[in-house]
Amino acid sequence: MSDALRELFDVIEDRKERMPEDSYTASLLDHDEKGENAALEKLGEEATEFLLAAKDGDTDELAHEGADIVYHMLVVLAQHDMDVEDLLDELEARR
């Protein structure tokens, strides 16, 4: 699992560095375009959708929205100049 998180985070970091115009990730990280809260708002939106899928017992949607939460959470970590390893270290410490 951590390999998939690291690979996804590497893509996010690449978008942060290059800021391609056609990148959704870059648009979330672009403070000038959508404001500083774009990634945070999306994370909150996805969390709500995840909760609703759980309430409805829709396991396919739950997996989909869970993946959206993880992606947007990693974008927020990158936005704050953190690394996915910070998250993985915290999870390991709690094990």
PDB file of N, CA and C in Angstrom:
ATOM      1  N   MET A   1       0.818  -1.199   0.000  1.00  0.00           N
ATOM      2  CA  MET A   1       0.000   0.000   0.000  1.00  0.00           C
ATOM      3  C   MET A   1       0.858   1.258   0.000  1.00  0.00           C
ATOM      4  N   SER A   2       1.908   1.265   0.803  1.00  0.00           N
ATOM      5  CA  SER A   2       2.709   2.486   0.889  1.00  0.00           C
ATOM      6  C   SER A   2       3.392   2.810  -0.435  1.00  0.00           C
ATOM      7  N   ASP A   3       3.676   1.794  -1.266  1.00  0.00           N
ATOM      8  CA  ASP A   3       4.266   2.077  -2.577  1.00  0.00           C
ATOM      9  C   ASP A   3       3.297   2.876  -3.441  1.00  0.00           C
ATOM     10  N   ALA A   4       2.030   2.504  -3.404  1.00  0.00           N
ATOM     11  CA  ALA A   4       1.029   3.231  -4.185  1.00  0.00           C
ATOM     12  C   ALA A   4       0.901   4.665  -3.681  1.00  0.00           C
ATOM     13  N   LEU A   5       0.922   4.855  -2.373  1.00  0.00           N
ATOM     14  CA  LEU A   5       0.856   6.215  -1.811  1.00  0.00           C
ATOM     15  C   LEU A   5       2.074   7.032  -2.207  1.00  0.00           C
ATOM     16  N   ARG A   6       3.238   6.415  -2.146  1.00  0.00           N
ATOM     17  CA  ARG A   6       4.471   7.126  -2.522  1.00  0.00           C
ATOM     18  C   ARG A   6       4.442   7.508  -4.005  1.00  0.00           C
ATOM     19  N   GLU A   7       4.009   6.586  -4.840  1.00  0.00           N
ATOM     20  CA  GLU A   7       3.946   6.877  -6.283  1.00  0.00           C
ATOM     21  C   GLU A   7       2.964   8.004  -6.575  1.00  0.00           C
ATOM     22  N   LEU A   8       1.794   7.964  -5.947  1.00  0.00           N
ATOM     23  CA  LEU A   8       0.814   9.030  -6.130  1.00  0.00           C
ATOM     24  C   LEU A   8       1.381  10.354  -5.627  1.00  0.00           C
ATOM     25  N   PHE A   9       2.033  10.324  -4.478  1.00  0.00           N
ATOM     26  CA  PHE A   9       2.598  11.553  -3.931  1.00  0.00           C
ATOM     27  C   PHE A   9       3.694  12.103  -4.842  1.00  0.00           C
ATOM     28  N   ASP A  10       4.484  11.229  -5.453  1.00  0.00           N
ATOM     29  CA  ASP A  10       5.510  11.685  -6.407  1.00  0.00           C
ATOM     30  C   ASP A  10       4.877  12.426  -7.582  1.00  0.00           C
ATOM     31  N   VAL A  11       3.746  11.929  -8.066  1.00  0.00           N
ATOM     32  CA  VAL A  11       3.041  12.615  -9.159  1.00  0.00           C
ATOM     33  C   VAL A  11       2.561  13.985  -8.685  1.00  0.00           C
ATOM     34  N   ILE A  12       2.004  14.040  -7.485  1.00  0.00           N
ATOM     35  CA  ILE A  12       1.528  15.313  -6.934  1.00  0.00           C
ATOM     36  C   ILE A  12       2.680  16.294  -6.796  1.00  0.00           C
ATOM     37  N   GLU A  13       3.807  15.833  -6.291  1.00  0.00           N
ATOM     38  CA  GLU A  13       4.986  16.695  -6.154  1.00  0.00           C
ATOM     39  C   GLU A  13       5.478  17.191  -7.515  1.00  0.00           C
ATOM     40  N   ASP A  14       5.423  16.323  -8.521  1.00  0.00           N
ATOM     41  CA  ASP A  14       5.814  16.722  -9.871  1.00  0.00           C
ATOM     42  C   ASP A  14       4.903  17.833 -10.388  1.00  0.00           C
ATOM     43  N   ARG A  15       3.600  17.674 -10.171  1.00  0.00           N
ATOM     44  CA  ARG A  15       2.654  18.722 -10.603  1.00  0.00           C
ATOM     45  C   ARG A  15       2.899  20.026  -9.847  1.00  0.00           C
ATOM     46  N   LYS A  16       3.236  19.909  -8.579  1.00  0.00           N
ATOM     47  CA  LYS A  16       3.525  21.097  -7.767  1.00  0.00           C
ATOM     48  C   LYS A  16       4.743  21.835  -8.307  1.00  0.00           C
ATOM     49  N   GLU A  17       5.743  21.080  -8.717  1.00  0.00           N
ATOM     50  CA  GLU A  17       6.974  21.685  -9.234  1.00  0.00           C
ATOM     51  C   GLU A  17       6.772  22.281 -10.626  1.00  0.00           C
ATOM     52  N   ARG A  18       6.116  21.527 -11.516  1.00  0.00           N
ATOM     53  CA  ARG A  18       5.973  21.968 -12.914  1.00  0.00           C
ATOM     54  C   ARG A  18       4.753  22.856 -13.153  1.00  0.00           C
ATOM     55  N   MET A  19       3.700  22.684 -12.364  1.00  0.00           N
ATOM     56  CA  MET A  19       2.443  23.438 -12.473  1.00  0.00           C
ATOM     57  C   MET A  19       1.919  23.498 -13.920  1.00  0.00           C
ATOM     58  N   PRO A  20       1.718  22.322 -14.559  1.00  0.00           N
ATOM     59  CA  PRO A  20       1.166  22.327 -15.911  1.00  0.00           C
ATOM     60  C   PRO A  20      -0.244  22.912 -15.923  1.00  0.00           C
ATOM     61  N   GLU A  21      -0.531  23.677 -16.945  1.00  0.00           N
ATOM     62  CA  GLU A  21      -1.814  24.380 -17.023  1.00  0.00           C
ATOM     63  C   GLU A  21      -3.014  23.444 -17.085  1.00  0.00           C
ATOM     64  N   ASP A  22      -2.835  22.253 -17.642  1.00  0.00           N
ATOM     65  CA  ASP A  22      -3.958  21.334 -17.812  1.00  0.00           C
ATOM     66  C   ASP A  22      -4.072  20.307 -16.682  1.00  0.00           C
ATOM     67  N   SER A  23      -3.408  20.561 -15.564  1.00  0.00           N
ATOM     68  CA  SER A  23      -3.381  19.608 -14.463  1.00  0.00           C
ATOM     69  C   SER A  23      -4.371  20.002 -13.365  1.00  0.00           C
ATOM     70  N   TYR A  24      -5.270  19.072 -13.033  1.00  0.00           N
ATOM     71  CA  TYR A  24      -6.204  19.294 -11.929  1.00  0.00           C
ATOM     72  C   TYR A  24      -5.432  19.483 -10.623  1.00  0.00           C
ATOM     73  N   THR A  25      -4.418  18.659 -10.412  1.00  0.00           N
ATOM     74  CA  THR A  25      -3.619  18.760  -9.194  1.00  0.00           C
ATOM     75  C   THR A  25      -2.976  20.134  -9.094  1.00  0.00           C
ATOM     76  N   ALA A  26      -2.381  20.596 -10.176  1.00  0.00           N
ATOM     77  CA  ALA A  26      -1.751  21.923 -10.164  1.00  0.00           C
ATOM     78  C   ALA A  26      -2.779  23.004  -9.870  1.00  0.00           C
ATOM     79  N   SER A  27      -4.003  22.844 -10.377  1.00  0.00           N
ATOM     80  CA  SER A  27      -5.027  23.860 -10.110  1.00  0.00           C
ATOM     81  C   SER A  27      -5.380  23.910  -8.626  1.00  0.00           C
ATOM     82  N   LEU A  28      -5.332  22.766  -7.949  1.00  0.00           N
ATOM     83  CA  LEU A  28      -5.586  22.758  -6.508  1.00  0.00           C
ATOM     84  C   LEU A  28      -4.453  23.421  -5.730  1.00  0.00           C
ATOM     85  N   LEU A  29      -3.263  23.329  -6.273  1.00  0.00           N
ATOM     86  CA  LEU A  29      -2.079  23.887  -5.606  1.00  0.00           C
ATOM     87  C   LEU A  29      -1.819  25.339  -5.976  1.00  0.00           C
ATOM     88  N   ASP A  30      -2.497  25.838  -7.002  1.00  0.00           N
ATOM     89  CA  ASP A  30      -2.283  27.194  -7.500  1.00  0.00           C
ATOM     90  C   ASP A  30      -3.065  28.186  -6.649  1.00  0.00           C
ATOM     91  N   HIS A  31      -2.359  28.880  -5.785  1.00  0.00           N
ATOM     92  CA  HIS A  31      -3.003  29.832  -4.881  1.00  0.00           C
ATOM     93  C   HIS A  31      -3.630  31.000  -5.639  1.00  0.00           C
ATOM     94  N   ASP A  32      -3.075  31.362  -6.796  1.00  0.00           N
ATOM     95  CA  ASP A  32      -3.599  32.502  -7.544  1.00  0.00           C
ATOM     96  C   ASP A  32      -4.907  32.167  -8.253  1.00  0.00           C
ATOM     97  N   GLU A  33      -5.023  30.921  -8.735  1.00  0.00           N
ATOM     98  CA  GLU A  33      -6.171  30.561  -9.562  1.00  0.00           C
ATOM     99  C   GLU A  33      -7.452  30.355  -8.742  1.00  0.00           C
ATOM    100  N   LYS A  34      -7.397  29.497  -7.749  1.00  0.00           N
ATOM    101  CA  LYS A  34      -8.615  29.147  -7.011  1.00  0.00           C
ATOM    102  C   LYS A  34      -8.546  29.549  -5.544  1.00  0.00           C
ATOM    103  N   GLY A  35      -7.464  30.135  -5.149  1.00  0.00           N
ATOM    104  CA  GLY A  35      -7.337  30.503  -3.747  1.00  0.00           C
ATOM    105  C   GLY A  35      -6.726  29.393  -2.928  1.00  0.00           C
ATOM    106  N   GLU A  36      -6.267  29.776  -1.788  1.00  0.00           N
ATOM    107  CA  GLU A  36      -5.528  28.865  -0.924  1.00  0.00           C
ATOM    108  C   GLU A  36      -6.373  27.695  -0.415  1.00  0.00           C
ATOM    109  N   ASN A  37      -7.675  27.845  -0.394  1.00  0.00           N
ATOM    110  CA  ASN A  37      -8.524  26.831   0.213  1.00  0.00           C
ATOM    111  C   ASN A  37      -9.069  25.785  -0.753  1.00  0.00           C
ATOM    112  N   ALA A  38      -8.701  25.823  -2.015  1.00  0.00           N
ATOM    113  CA  ALA A  38      -9.284  24.904  -2.998  1.00  0.00           C
ATOM    114  C   ALA A  38      -9.089  23.438  -2.601  1.00  0.00           C
ATOM    115  N   ALA A  39      -7.881  23.067  -2.227  1.00  0.00           N
ATOM    116  CA  ALA A  39      -7.620  21.671  -1.859  1.00  0.00           C
ATOM    117  C   ALA A  39      -8.346  21.302  -0.574  1.00  0.00           C
ATOM    118  N   LEU A  40      -8.411  22.235   0.369  1.00  0.00           N
ATOM    119  CA  LEU A  40      -9.106  21.967   1.628  1.00  0.00           C
ATOM    120  C   LEU A  40     -10.602  21.795   1.397  1.00  0.00           C
ATOM    121  N   GLU A  41     -11.172  22.624   0.554  1.00  0.00           N
ATOM    122  CA  GLU A  41     -12.599  22.513   0.252  1.00  0.00           C
ATOM    123  C   GLU A  41     -12.913  21.176  -0.417  1.00  0.00           C
ATOM    124  N   LYS A  42     -12.052  20.752  -1.336  1.00  0.00           N
ATOM    125  CA  LYS A  42     -12.269  19.470  -2.017  1.00  0.00           C
ATOM    126  C   LYS A  42     -12.144  18.312  -1.031  1.00  0.00           C
ATOM    127  N   LEU A  43     -11.186  18.395  -0.118  1.00  0.00           N
ATOM    128  CA  LEU A  43     -11.024  17.343   0.875  1.00  0.00           C
ATOM    129  C   LEU A  43     -12.278  17.236   1.736  1.00  0.00           C
ATOM    130  N   GLY A  44     -12.821  18.362   2.147  1.00  0.00           N
ATOM    131  CA  GLY A  44     -14.054  18.355   2.927  1.00  0.00           C
ATOM    132  C   GLY A  44     -15.227  17.800   2.142  1.00  0.00           C
ATOM    133  N   GLU A  45     -15.321  18.182   0.881  1.00  0.00           N
ATOM    134  CA  GLU A  45     -16.397  17.681   0.017  1.00  0.00           C
ATOM    135  C   GLU A  45     -16.315  16.167  -0.132  1.00  0.00           C
ATOM    136  N   GLU A  46     -15.112  15.671  -0.366  1.00  0.00           N
ATOM    137  CA  GLU A  46     -14.934  14.223  -0.544  1.00  0.00           C
ATOM    138  C   GLU A  46     -15.223  13.476   0.753  1.00  0.00           C
ATOM    139  N   ALA A  47     -14.868  14.068   1.892  1.00  0.00           N
ATOM    140  CA  ALA A  47     -15.154  13.429   3.180  1.00  0.00           C
ATOM    141  C   ALA A  47     -16.661  13.285   3.374  1.00  0.00           C
ATOM    142  N   THR A  48     -17.408  14.319   3.014  1.00  0.00           N
ATOM    143  CA  THR A  48     -18.867  14.256   3.122  1.00  0.00           C
ATOM    144  C   THR A  48     -19.425  13.168   2.212  1.00  0.00           C
ATOM    145  N   GLU A  49     -18.925  13.083   0.981  1.00  0.00           N
ATOM    146  CA  GLU A  49     -19.392  12.054   0.050  1.00  0.00           C
ATOM    147  C   GLU A  49     -19.052  10.662   0.559  1.00  0.00           C
ATOM    148  N   PHE A  50     -17.901  10.514   1.205  1.00  0.00           N
ATOM    149  CA  PHE A  50     -17.492   9.243   1.792  1.00  0.00           C
ATOM    150  C   PHE A  50     -18.463   8.838   2.903  1.00  0.00           C
ATOM    151  N   LEU A  51     -18.794   9.789   3.760  1.00  0.00           N
ATOM    152  CA  LEU A  51     -19.725   9.515   4.855  1.00  0.00           C
ATOM    153  C   LEU A  51     -21.110   9.109   4.336  1.00  0.00           C
ATOM    154  N   LEU A  52     -21.576   9.781   3.305  1.00  0.00           N
ATOM    155  CA  LEU A  52     -22.879   9.450   2.734  1.00  0.00           C
ATOM    156  C   LEU A  52     -22.873   8.058   2.096  1.00  0.00           C
ATOM    157  N   ALA A  53     -21.772   7.707   1.446  1.00  0.00           N
ATOM    158  CA  ALA A  53     -21.660   6.366   0.861  1.00  0.00           C
ATOM    159  C   ALA A  53     -21.656   5.311   1.959  1.00  0.00           C
ATOM    160  N   ALA A  54     -20.985   5.604   3.062  1.00  0.00           N
ATOM    161  CA  ALA A  54     -20.968   4.665   4.186  1.00  0.00           C
ATOM    162  C   ALA A  54     -22.366   4.505   4.779  1.00  0.00           C
ATOM    163  N   LYS A  55     -23.069   5.613   4.936  1.00  0.00           N
ATOM    164  CA  LYS A  55     -24.428   5.594   5.481  1.00  0.00           C
ATOM    165  C   LYS A  55     -25.350   4.764   4.596  1.00  0.00           C
ATOM    166  N   ASP A  56     -25.163   4.886   3.277  1.00  0.00           N
ATOM    167  CA  ASP A  56     -26.007   4.168   2.326  1.00  0.00           C
ATOM    168  C   ASP A  56     -25.578   2.717   2.122  1.00  0.00           C
ATOM    169  N   GLY A  57     -24.409   2.348   2.659  1.00  0.00           N
ATOM    170  CA  GLY A  57     -23.924   0.980   2.494  1.00  0.00           C
ATOM    171  C   GLY A  57     -23.452   0.666   1.088  1.00  0.00           C
ATOM    172  N   ASP A  58     -23.120   1.696   0.328  1.00  0.00           N
ATOM    173  CA  ASP A  58     -22.675   1.534  -1.062  1.00  0.00           C
ATOM    174  C   ASP A  58     -21.159   1.320  -1.084  1.00  0.00           C
ATOM    175  N   THR A  59     -20.746   0.060  -1.081  1.00  0.00           N
ATOM    176  CA  THR A  59     -19.319  -0.242  -0.948  1.00  0.00           C
ATOM    177  C   THR A  59     -18.494   0.200  -2.154  1.00  0.00           C
ATOM    178  N   ASP A  60     -19.073   0.141  -3.352  1.00  0.00           N
ATOM    179  CA  ASP A  60     -18.338   0.624  -4.523  1.00  0.00           C
ATOM    180  C   ASP A  60     -18.077   2.119  -4.411  1.00  0.00           C
ATOM    181  N   GLU A  61     -19.101   2.864  -4.031  1.00  0.00           N
ATOM    182  CA  GLU A  61     -18.959   4.315  -3.882  1.00  0.00           C
ATOM    183  C   GLU A  61     -18.054   4.644  -2.709  1.00  0.00           C
ATOM    184  N   LEU A  62     -18.105   3.846  -1.666  1.00  0.00           N
ATOM    185  CA  LEU A  62     -17.244   4.044  -0.496  1.00  0.00           C
ATOM    186  C   LEU A  62     -15.771   3.926  -0.889  1.00  0.00           C
ATOM    187  N   ALA A  63     -15.436   2.931  -1.691  1.00  0.00           N
ATOM    188  CA  ALA A  63     -14.062   2.779  -2.168  1.00  0.00           C
ATOM    189  C   ALA A  63     -13.664   3.959  -3.049  1.00  0.00           C
ATOM    190  N   HIS A  64     -14.565   4.372  -3.932  1.00  0.00           N
ATOM    191  CA  HIS A  64     -14.293   5.495  -4.831  1.00  0.00           C
ATOM    192  C   HIS A  64     -14.043   6.775  -4.042  1.00  0.00           C
ATOM    193  N   GLU A  65     -14.931   7.081  -3.119  1.00  0.00           N
ATOM    194  CA  GLU A  65     -14.796   8.317  -2.338  1.00  0.00           C
ATOM    195  C   GLU A  65     -13.607   8.234  -1.381  1.00  0.00           C
ATOM    196  N   GLY A  66     -13.317   7.041  -0.884  1.00  0.00           N
ATOM    197  CA  GLY A  66     -12.137   6.866  -0.034  1.00  0.00           C
ATOM    198  C   GLY A  66     -10.863   7.180  -0.795  1.00  0.00           C
ATOM    199  N   ALA A  67     -10.794   6.738  -2.038  1.00  0.00           N
ATOM    200  CA  ALA A  67      -9.628   7.056  -2.868  1.00  0.00           C
ATOM    201  C   ALA A  67      -9.530   8.562  -3.110  1.00  0.00           C
ATOM    202  N   ASP A  68     -10.683   9.208  -3.312  1.00  0.00           N
ATOM    203  CA  ASP A  68     -10.682  10.668  -3.485  1.00  0.00           C
ATOM    204  C   ASP A  68     -10.164  11.375  -2.240  1.00  0.00           C
ATOM    205  N   ILE A  69     -10.560  10.887  -1.061  1.00  0.00           N
ATOM    206  CA  ILE A  69     -10.071  11.474   0.189  1.00  0.00           C
ATOM    207  C   ILE A  69      -8.554  11.347   0.283  1.00  0.00           C
ATOM    208  N   VAL A  70      -8.034  10.168   0.009  1.00  0.00           N
ATOM    209  CA  VAL A  70      -6.587   9.948   0.101  1.00  0.00           C
ATOM    210  C   VAL A  70      -5.847  10.867  -0.864  1.00  0.00           C
ATOM    211  N   TYR A  71      -6.322  10.962  -2.092  1.00  0.00           N
ATOM    212  CA  TYR A  71      -5.684  11.842  -3.077  1.00  0.00           C
ATOM    213  C   TYR A  71      -5.675  13.289  -2.593  1.00  0.00           C
ATOM    214  N   HIS A  72      -6.829  13.800  -2.179  1.00  0.00           N
ATOM    215  CA  HIS A  72      -6.907  15.203  -1.776  1.00  0.00           C
ATOM    216  C   HIS A  72      -6.120  15.454  -0.483  1.00  0.00           C
ATOM    217  N   MET A  73      -6.063  14.460   0.400  1.00  0.00           N
ATOM    218  CA  MET A  73      -5.251  14.582   1.608  1.00  0.00           C
ATOM    219  C   MET A  73      -3.768  14.711   1.239  1.00  0.00           C
ATOM    220  N   LEU A  74      -3.325  13.933   0.269  1.00  0.00           N
ATOM    221  CA  LEU A  74      -1.929  14.028  -0.166  1.00  0.00           C
ATOM    222  C   LEU A  74      -1.640  15.372  -0.814  1.00  0.00           C
ATOM    223  N   VAL A  75      -2.599  15.922  -1.546  1.00  0.00           N
ATOM    224  CA  VAL A  75      -2.427  17.256  -2.122  1.00  0.00           C
ATOM    225  C   VAL A  75      -2.243  18.285  -1.002  1.00  0.00           C
ATOM    226  N   VAL A  76      -3.042  18.179   0.047  1.00  0.00           N
ATOM    227  CA  VAL A  76      -2.916  19.118   1.170  1.00  0.00           C
ATOM    228  C   VAL A  76      -1.560  18.959   1.851  1.00  0.00           C
ATOM    229  N   LEU A  77      -1.089  17.727   2.016  1.00  0.00           N
ATOM    230  CA  LEU A  77       0.249  17.527   2.584  1.00  0.00           C
ATOM    231  C   LEU A  77       1.301  18.216   1.727  1.00  0.00           C
ATOM    232  N   ALA A  78       1.221  18.035   0.416  1.00  0.00           N
ATOM    233  CA  ALA A  78       2.185  18.665  -0.494  1.00  0.00           C
ATOM    234  C   ALA A  78       2.091  20.183  -0.411  1.00  0.00           C
ATOM    235  N   GLN A  79       0.879  20.682  -0.299  1.00  0.00           N
ATOM    236  CA  GLN A  79       0.657  22.125  -0.204  1.00  0.00           C
ATOM    237  C   GLN A  79       1.372  22.703   1.017  1.00  0.00           C
ATOM    238  N   HIS A  80       1.487  21.895   2.059  1.00  0.00           N
ATOM    239  CA  HIS A  80       2.128  22.337   3.299  1.00  0.00           C
ATOM    240  C   HIS A  80       3.578  21.864   3.400  1.00  0.00           C
ATOM    241  N   ASP A  81       4.154  21.533   2.244  1.00  0.00           N
ATOM    242  CA  ASP A  81       5.548  21.109   2.150  1.00  0.00           C
ATOM    243  C   ASP A  81       5.887  19.932   3.059  1.00  0.00           C
ATOM    244  N   MET A  82       4.921  19.053   3.216  1.00  0.00           N
ATOM    245  CA  MET A  82       5.149  17.815   3.946  1.00  0.00           C
ATOM    246  C   MET A  82       5.383  16.707   2.930  1.00  0.00           C
ATOM    247  N   ASP A  83       5.746  15.550   3.430  1.00  0.00           N
ATOM    248  CA  ASP A  83       6.002  14.402   2.577  1.00  0.00           C
ATOM    249  C   ASP A  83       5.084  13.265   2.998  1.00  0.00           C
ATOM    250  N   VAL A  84       4.787  12.387   2.084  1.00  0.00           N
ATOM    251  CA  VAL A  84       3.963  11.228   2.413  1.00  0.00           C
ATOM    252  C   VAL A  84       4.626  10.402   3.510  1.00  0.00           C
ATOM    253  N   GLU A  85       5.935  10.456   3.594  1.00  0.00           N
ATOM    254  CA  GLU A  85       6.647   9.722   4.646  1.00  0.00           C
ATOM    255  C   GLU A  85       6.258  10.225   6.035  1.00  0.00           C
ATOM    256  N   ASP A  86       5.932  11.518   6.164  1.00  0.00           N
ATOM    257  CA  ASP A  86       5.476  12.049   7.449  1.00  0.00           C
ATOM    258  C   ASP A  86       4.206  11.324   7.891  1.00  0.00           C
ATOM    259  N   LEU A  87       3.312  11.113   6.961  1.00  0.00           N
ATOM    260  CA  LEU A  87       2.064  10.404   7.242  1.00  0.00           C
ATOM    261  C   LEU A  87       2.339   8.940   7.556  1.00  0.00           C
ATOM    262  N   LEU A  88       3.163   8.300   6.744  1.00  0.00           N
ATOM    263  CA  LEU A  88       3.463   6.883   6.955  1.00  0.00           C
ATOM    264  C   LEU A  88       4.196   6.662   8.276  1.00  0.00           C
ATOM    265  N   ASP A  89       5.091   7.571   8.640  1.00  0.00           N
ATOM    266  CA  ASP A  89       5.790   7.474   9.928  1.00  0.00           C
ATOM    267  C   ASP A  89       4.812   7.566  11.090  1.00  0.00           C
ATOM    268  N   GLU A  90       3.839   8.472  10.971  1.00  0.00           N
ATOM    269  CA  GLU A  90       2.828   8.611  12.031  1.00  0.00           C
ATOM    270  C   GLU A  90       1.988   7.350  12.151  1.00  0.00           C
ATOM    271  N   LEU A  91       1.598   6.784  11.014  1.00  0.00           N
ATOM    272  CA  LEU A  91       0.838   5.530  11.059  1.00  0.00           C
ATOM    273  C   LEU A  91       1.657   4.414  11.673  1.00  0.00           C
ATOM    274  N   GLU A  92       2.921   4.337  11.324  1.00  0.00           N
ATOM    275  CA  GLU A  92       3.805   3.315  11.877  1.00  0.00           C
ATOM    276  C   GLU A  92       3.951   3.479  13.385  1.00  0.00           C
ATOM    277  N   ALA A  93       4.065   4.709  13.847  1.00  0.00           N
ATOM    278  CA  ALA A  93       4.203   4.969  15.281  1.00  0.00           C
ATOM    279  C   ALA A  93       2.955   4.542  16.049  1.00  0.00           C
ATOM    280  N   ARG A  94       1.820   4.563  15.383  1.00  0.00           N
ATOM    281  CA  ARG A  94       0.565   4.179  16.040  1.00  0.00           C
ATOM    282  C   ARG A  94       0.305   2.684  16.016  1.00  0.00           C
ATOM    283  N   ARG A  95       1.115   1.960  15.285  1.00  0.00           N
ATOM    284  CA  ARG A  95       0.900   0.531  15.098  1.00  0.00           C
ATOM    285  C   ARG A  95       1.163  -0.275  16.335  1.00  0.00           C
TER     286      ARG A  95
END
